[in-house]
């Protein structure tokens, strides 16, 4: 977003200004797929979003995505830990039973 703002500023200096609505649309088109829901909500808004408002909303969305990813990672790790314990318990329940036990004499 900062790069886009810089380009807009340079074009304005060169007497080639870009309409803010066009810039917002270009920024939305350039978002990664993880921002798809955000992009759709911005494109379907009744009132157009300003560049500054878009910047603030993108920062909030980025924070939300990081939090979601963190919670997903913690959930995956928790599940993996539970499954690992269950597998370990099943493997050790029968230790020492059976005819293939080796006895050291």
C-alpha atoms as a PDB file:
ATOM      1  CA  UNK A   1       0.000   0.000   0.000  1.00  0.00           C
ATOM      2  CA  UNK A   2       2.844   2.362   0.791  1.00  0.00           C
ATOM      3  CA  UNK A   3       4.382   1.552  -2.584  1.00  0.00           C
ATOM      4  CA  UNK A   4       1.081   2.406  -4.293  1.00  0.00           C
ATOM      5  CA  UNK A   5       0.877   5.688  -2.406  1.00  0.00           C
ATOM      6  CA  UNK A   6       4.422   6.514  -3.476  1.00  0.00           C
ATOM      7  CA  UNK A   7       3.639   5.812  -7.134  1.00  0.00           C
ATOM      8  CA  UNK A   8       0.493   7.951  -6.941  1.00  0.00           C
ATOM      9  CA  UNK A   9       2.517  10.783  -5.446  1.00  0.00           C
ATOM     10  CA  UNK A  10       5.166  10.510  -8.172  1.00  0.00           C
ATOM     11  CA  UNK A  11       2.499  10.496 -10.893  1.00  0.00           C
ATOM     12  CA  UNK A  12       0.820  13.532  -9.362  1.00  0.00           C
ATOM     13  CA  UNK A  13       4.143  15.381  -9.427  1.00  0.00           C
ATOM     14  CA  UNK A  14       4.478  14.422 -13.110  1.00  0.00           C
ATOM     15  CA  UNK A  15       0.986  15.886 -13.756  1.00  0.00           C
ATOM     16  CA  UNK A  16      -0.497  12.410 -14.283  1.00  0.00           C
ATOM     17  CA  UNK A  17      -2.772  12.035 -11.242  1.00  0.00           C
ATOM     18  CA  UNK A  18      -4.641   8.786 -10.598  1.00  0.00           C
ATOM     19  CA  UNK A  19      -8.212   8.796  -9.356  1.00  0.00           C
ATOM     20  CA  UNK A  20      -8.379   7.493  -5.768  1.00  0.00           C
ATOM     21  CA  UNK A  21     -11.256   5.117  -6.602  1.00  0.00           C
ATOM     22  CA  UNK A  22      -9.173   3.572  -9.400  1.00  0.00           C
ATOM     23  CA  UNK A  23      -6.234   3.181  -7.055  1.00  0.00           C
ATOM     24  CA  UNK A  24      -8.406   1.476  -4.430  1.00  0.00           C
ATOM     25  CA  UNK A  25      -9.692  -0.960  -7.077  1.00  0.00           C
ATOM     26  CA  UNK A  26      -6.152  -1.739  -8.237  1.00  0.00           C
ATOM     27  CA  UNK A  27      -5.023  -2.364  -4.667  1.00  0.00           C
ATOM     28  CA  UNK A  28      -7.979  -4.685  -4.057  1.00  0.00           C
ATOM     29  CA  UNK A  29      -7.205  -6.601  -7.265  1.00  0.00           C
ATOM     30  CA  UNK A  30      -3.637  -7.106  -6.101  1.00  0.00           C
ATOM     31  CA  UNK A  31      -4.532  -8.670  -2.748  1.00  0.00           C
ATOM     32  CA  UNK A  32      -3.554 -12.264  -2.005  1.00  0.00           C
ATOM     33  CA  UNK A  33      -6.201 -15.009  -1.976  1.00  0.00           C
ATOM     34  CA  UNK A  34      -6.299 -15.011   1.835  1.00  0.00           C
ATOM     35  CA  UNK A  35      -7.888 -11.555   1.552  1.00  0.00           C
ATOM     36  CA  UNK A  36     -10.690 -12.751  -0.774  1.00  0.00           C
ATOM     37  CA  UNK A  37     -13.548 -12.247   1.707  1.00  0.00           C
ATOM     38  CA  UNK A  38     -12.195  -8.806   2.587  1.00  0.00           C
ATOM     39  CA  UNK A  39     -11.842  -7.929  -1.093  1.00  0.00           C
ATOM     40  CA  UNK A  40     -15.428  -8.961  -1.859  1.00  0.00           C
ATOM     41  CA  UNK A  41     -16.765  -6.975   1.086  1.00  0.00           C
ATOM     42  CA  UNK A  42     -14.883  -3.871  -0.083  1.00  0.00           C
ATOM     43  CA  UNK A  43     -16.036  -4.247  -3.683  1.00  0.00           C
ATOM     44  CA  UNK A  44     -19.673  -4.686  -2.695  1.00  0.00           C
ATOM     45  CA  UNK A  45     -19.840  -1.774  -0.260  1.00  0.00           C
ATOM     46  CA  UNK A  46     -22.550   0.765  -0.905  1.00  0.00           C
ATOM     47  CA  UNK A  47     -20.202   3.696  -0.278  1.00  0.00           C
ATOM     48  CA  UNK A  48     -16.708   3.811  -1.770  1.00  0.00           C
ATOM     49  CA  UNK A  49     -13.790   3.480   0.606  1.00  0.00           C
ATOM     50  CA  UNK A  50     -11.073   6.127   0.748  1.00  0.00           C
ATOM     51  CA  UNK A  51      -7.424   5.197   0.442  1.00  0.00           C
ATOM     52  CA  UNK A  52      -6.769   6.056   4.095  1.00  0.00           C
ATOM     53  CA  UNK A  53      -9.788   4.048   5.233  1.00  0.00           C
ATOM     54  CA  UNK A  54      -8.665   1.112   3.080  1.00  0.00           C
ATOM     55  CA  UNK A  55      -5.239   1.301   4.691  1.00  0.00           C
ATOM     56  CA  UNK A  56      -6.732   1.114   8.195  1.00  0.00           C
ATOM     57  CA  UNK A  57      -9.089  -1.711   7.210  1.00  0.00           C
ATOM     58  CA  UNK A  58      -6.236  -3.674   5.641  1.00  0.00           C
ATOM     59  CA  UNK A  59      -4.153  -3.328   8.797  1.00  0.00           C
ATOM     60  CA  UNK A  60      -7.089  -4.627  10.843  1.00  0.00           C
ATOM     61  CA  UNK A  61      -7.646  -7.496   8.406  1.00  0.00           C
ATOM     62  CA  UNK A  62      -3.954  -8.409   8.488  1.00  0.00           C
ATOM     63  CA  UNK A  63      -4.086  -8.527  12.282  1.00  0.00           C
ATOM     64  CA  UNK A  64      -7.225 -10.688  12.158  1.00  0.00           C
ATOM     65  CA  UNK A  65      -5.592 -13.098   9.719  1.00  0.00           C
ATOM     66  CA  UNK A  66      -2.522 -13.421  11.937  1.00  0.00           C
ATOM     67  CA  UNK A  67      -4.746 -14.132  14.939  1.00  0.00           C
ATOM     68  CA  UNK A  68      -6.771 -16.703  12.975  1.00  0.00           C
ATOM     69  CA  UNK A  69      -3.576 -18.392  11.768  1.00  0.00           C
ATOM     70  CA  UNK A  70      -2.197 -18.433  15.305  1.00  0.00           C
ATOM     71  CA  UNK A  71      -5.380 -19.999  16.679  1.00  0.00           C
ATOM     72  CA  UNK A  72      -5.436 -22.536  13.849  1.00  0.00           C
ATOM     73  CA  UNK A  73      -1.799 -23.472  14.550  1.00  0.00           C
ATOM     74  CA  UNK A  74      -2.494 -23.843  18.276  1.00  0.00           C
ATOM     75  CA  UNK A  75      -5.544 -25.990  17.523  1.00  0.00           C
ATOM     76  CA  UNK A  76      -3.539 -28.208  15.166  1.00  0.00           C
ATOM     77  CA  UNK A  77      -0.735 -28.595  17.700  1.00  0.00           C
ATOM     78  CA  UNK A  78      -3.210 -29.414  20.465  1.00  0.00           C
ATOM     79  CA  UNK A  79      -4.915 -32.026  18.301  1.00  0.00           C
ATOM     80  CA  UNK A  80      -1.572 -33.507  17.255  1.00  0.00           C
ATOM     81  CA  UNK A  81      -0.528 -33.731  20.904  1.00  0.00           C
ATOM     82  CA  UNK A  82      -3.734 -35.560  21.860  1.00  0.00           C
ATOM     83  CA  UNK A  83      -3.452 -37.993  18.933  1.00  0.00           C
ATOM     84  CA  UNK A  84       0.212 -38.604  19.717  1.00  0.00           C
ATOM     85  CA  UNK A  85      -0.610 -39.469  23.337  1.00  0.00           C
ATOM     86  CA  UNK A  86      -3.427 -41.806  22.255  1.00  0.00           C
ATOM     87  CA  UNK A  87      -1.157 -43.629  19.803  1.00  0.00           C
ATOM     88  CA  UNK A  88       1.616 -43.909  22.405  1.00  0.00           C
ATOM     89  CA  UNK A  89      -0.810 -45.260  25.015  1.00  0.00           C
ATOM     90  CA  UNK A  90      -2.140 -47.880  22.587  1.00  0.00           C
ATOM     91  CA  UNK A  91       1.383 -48.962  21.694  1.00  0.00           C
ATOM     92  CA  UNK A  92       2.541 -49.316  25.302  1.00  0.00           C
ATOM     93  CA  UNK A  93      -0.574 -51.027  26.718  1.00  0.00           C
ATOM     94  CA  UNK A  94       0.579 -54.462  25.576  1.00  0.00           C
ATOM     95  CA  UNK A  95       4.301 -54.123  26.212  1.00  0.00           C
ATOM     96  CA  UNK A  96       5.730 -57.235  27.803  1.00  0.00           C
ATOM     97  CA  UNK A  97       2.856 -59.503  26.744  1.00  0.00           C
ATOM     98  CA  UNK A  98       3.090 -62.154  24.064  1.00  0.00           C
ATOM     99  CA  UNK A  99       5.393 -64.928  22.966  1.00  0.00           C
ATOM    100  CA  UNK A 100       8.101 -62.766  21.381  1.00  0.00           C
ATOM    101  CA  UNK A 101       9.325 -61.325  24.668  1.00  0.00           C
ATOM    102  CA  UNK A 102      13.064 -61.380  25.002  1.00  0.00           C
ATOM    103  CA  UNK A 103      14.337 -62.289  28.439  1.00  0.00           C
ATOM    104  CA  UNK A 104      17.901 -61.476  29.274  1.00  0.00           C
ATOM    105  CA  UNK A 105      19.534 -64.140  31.485  1.00  0.00           C
END
